[in-house]
Amino acid sequence: MTVDALKQEISHLSEPERKELIGWIEELEEQAWDREMERDFAPGGRASHLAAEVKADIAAGRTKPLEQFLAEANTKLQTSKTG
């Protein structure tokens, strides 16, 4: 079946059927994205060097807890608004 034929068939679906189809396609895309991220950050993947850098930063103590980072960012934001 061609894409044009699929489009034609989809145009005849009811609204609930289209919403169901959209949900299914979105889930399919999310699964594809997850697989891509897994490949990219796996050893030898195109982003594996980033994962290695993050691990090195954590091991060297060059990171801070997310809560602390967010609190500091919020303080800076509030200071910039009032100053």
C-alpha atoms as a PDB file:
ATOM      1  CA  MET A   1       0.000   0.000   0.000  1.00  0.00           C
ATOM      2  CA  THR A   2       1.321   3.456  -0.872  1.00  0.00           C
ATOM      3  CA  VAL A   3       1.450   6.511   1.378  1.00  0.00           C
ATOM      4  CA  ASP A   4      -1.144   8.200  -0.804  1.00  0.00           C
ATOM      5  CA  ALA A   5      -3.460   5.202  -0.403  1.00  0.00           C
ATOM      6  CA  LEU A   6      -2.953   5.309   3.364  1.00  0.00           C
ATOM      7  CA  LYS A   7      -3.743   9.026   3.418  1.00  0.00           C
ATOM      8  CA  GLN A   8      -6.916   8.364   1.498  1.00  0.00           C
ATOM      9  CA  GLU A   9      -7.987   5.654   3.941  1.00  0.00           C
ATOM     10  CA  ILE A  10      -7.108   7.789   6.968  1.00  0.00           C
ATOM     11  CA  SER A  11      -9.235  10.641   5.639  1.00  0.00           C
ATOM     12  CA  HIS A  12     -12.267   8.362   6.001  1.00  0.00           C
ATOM     13  CA  LEU A  13     -11.640   7.491   9.643  1.00  0.00           C
ATOM     14  CA  SER A  14     -13.840   8.872  12.387  1.00  0.00           C
ATOM     15  CA  GLU A  15     -12.310  11.326  14.843  1.00  0.00           C
ATOM     16  CA  PRO A  16     -11.889   8.676  17.589  1.00  0.00           C
ATOM     17  CA  GLU A  17     -10.246   6.336  15.077  1.00  0.00           C
ATOM     18  CA  ARG A  18      -7.865   9.095  13.929  1.00  0.00           C
ATOM     19  CA  LYS A  19      -6.968   9.871  17.542  1.00  0.00           C
ATOM     20  CA  GLU A  20      -6.280   6.199  18.175  1.00  0.00           C
ATOM     21  CA  LEU A  21      -4.094   6.072  15.066  1.00  0.00           C
ATOM     22  CA  ILE A  22      -2.240   9.223  16.102  1.00  0.00           C
ATOM     23  CA  GLY A  23      -1.564   7.729  19.537  1.00  0.00           C
ATOM     24  CA  TRP A  24      -0.228   4.565  17.960  1.00  0.00           C
ATOM     25  CA  ILE A  25       2.047   6.512  15.590  1.00  0.00           C
ATOM     26  CA  GLU A  26       3.330   8.684  18.451  1.00  0.00           C
ATOM     27  CA  GLU A  27       4.170   5.577  20.477  1.00  0.00           C
ATOM     28  CA  LEU A  28       5.944   4.108  17.454  1.00  0.00           C
ATOM     29  CA  GLU A  29       8.014   7.308  17.113  1.00  0.00           C
ATOM     30  CA  GLU A  30       8.859   7.344  20.831  1.00  0.00           C
ATOM     31  CA  GLN A  31      10.105   3.772  20.617  1.00  0.00           C
ATOM     32  CA  ALA A  32      12.233   4.644  17.579  1.00  0.00           C
ATOM     33  CA  TRP A  33      13.674   7.658  19.441  1.00  0.00           C
ATOM     34  CA  ASP A  34      14.512   5.486  22.454  1.00  0.00           C
ATOM     35  CA  ARG A  35      16.311   2.970  20.237  1.00  0.00           C
ATOM     36  CA  GLU A  36      18.266   5.780  18.566  1.00  0.00           C
ATOM     37  CA  MET A  37      19.356   7.205  21.934  1.00  0.00           C
ATOM     38  CA  GLU A  38      20.410   3.755  23.119  1.00  0.00           C
ATOM     39  CA  ARG A  39      22.530   3.307  19.988  1.00  0.00           C
ATOM     40  CA  ASP A  40      24.020   6.801  20.187  1.00  0.00           C
ATOM     41  CA  PHE A  41      25.065   6.509  23.845  1.00  0.00           C
ATOM     42  CA  ALA A  42      26.175   2.878  23.735  1.00  0.00           C
ATOM     43  CA  PRO A  43      29.912   2.219  23.709  1.00  0.00           C
ATOM     44  CA  GLY A  44      31.147   3.214  20.261  1.00  0.00           C
ATOM     45  CA  GLY A  45      27.990   5.200  19.484  1.00  0.00           C
ATOM     46  CA  ARG A  46      28.193   8.693  18.058  1.00  0.00           C
ATOM     47  CA  ALA A  47      27.482  10.293  21.461  1.00  0.00           C
ATOM     48  CA  SER A  48      29.416   7.814  23.594  1.00  0.00           C
ATOM     49  CA  HIS A  49      32.143  10.429  24.118  1.00  0.00           C
ATOM     50  CA  LEU A  50      29.564  12.648  25.854  1.00  0.00           C
ATOM     51  CA  ALA A  51      28.592   9.856  28.217  1.00  0.00           C
ATOM     52  CA  ALA A  52      32.283   9.299  28.988  1.00  0.00           C
ATOM     53  CA  GLU A  53      32.755  13.021  29.715  1.00  0.00           C
ATOM     54  CA  VAL A  54      29.775  13.053  32.075  1.00  0.00           C
ATOM     55  CA  LYS A  55      31.064   9.997  33.922  1.00  0.00           C
ATOM     56  CA  ALA A  56      34.499  11.620  34.243  1.00  0.00           C
ATOM     57  CA  ASP A  57      32.964  14.859  35.560  1.00  0.00           C
ATOM     58  CA  ILE A  58      30.962  12.941  38.152  1.00  0.00           C
ATOM     59  CA  ALA A  59      33.999  10.924  39.225  1.00  0.00           C
ATOM     60  CA  ALA A  60      36.078  14.117  39.553  1.00  0.00           C
ATOM     61  CA  GLY A  61      33.407  15.884  41.616  1.00  0.00           C
ATOM     62  CA  ARG A  62      32.764  18.560  38.975  1.00  0.00           C
ATOM     63  CA  THR A  63      29.010  18.174  39.242  1.00  0.00           C
ATOM     64  CA  LYS A  64      26.362  19.186  41.751  1.00  0.00           C
ATOM     65  CA  PRO A  65      22.982  17.714  42.598  1.00  0.00           C
ATOM     66  CA  LEU A  66      20.166  18.821  40.297  1.00  0.00           C
ATOM     67  CA  GLU A  67      18.229  20.329  43.202  1.00  0.00           C
ATOM     68  CA  GLN A  68      21.210  22.528  44.108  1.00  0.00           C
ATOM     69  CA  PHE A  69      21.741  23.591  40.501  1.00  0.00           C
ATOM     70  CA  LEU A  70      18.065  24.504  40.096  1.00  0.00           C
ATOM     71  CA  ALA A  71      18.023  26.453  43.372  1.00  0.00           C
ATOM     72  CA  GLU A  72      21.099  28.429  42.304  1.00  0.00           C
ATOM     73  CA  ALA A  73      19.626  29.086  38.864  1.00  0.00           C
ATOM     74  CA  ASN A  74      16.378  30.281  40.447  1.00  0.00           C
ATOM     75  CA  THR A  75      18.286  32.627  42.758  1.00  0.00           C
ATOM     76  CA  LYS A  76      20.199  34.082  39.811  1.00  0.00           C
ATOM     77  CA  LEU A  77      16.959  34.514  37.870  1.00  0.00           C
ATOM     78  CA  GLN A  78      15.269  36.307  40.751  1.00  0.00           C
ATOM     79  CA  THR A  79      18.313  38.549  41.237  1.00  0.00           C
ATOM     80  CA  SER A  80      18.375  39.489  37.560  1.00  0.00           C
ATOM     81  CA  LYS A  81      14.670  40.382  37.658  1.00  0.00           C
ATOM     82  CA  THR A  82      15.064  42.709  40.625  1.00  0.00           C
ATOM     83  CA  GLY A  83      18.437  44.154  39.798  1.00  0.00           C
END
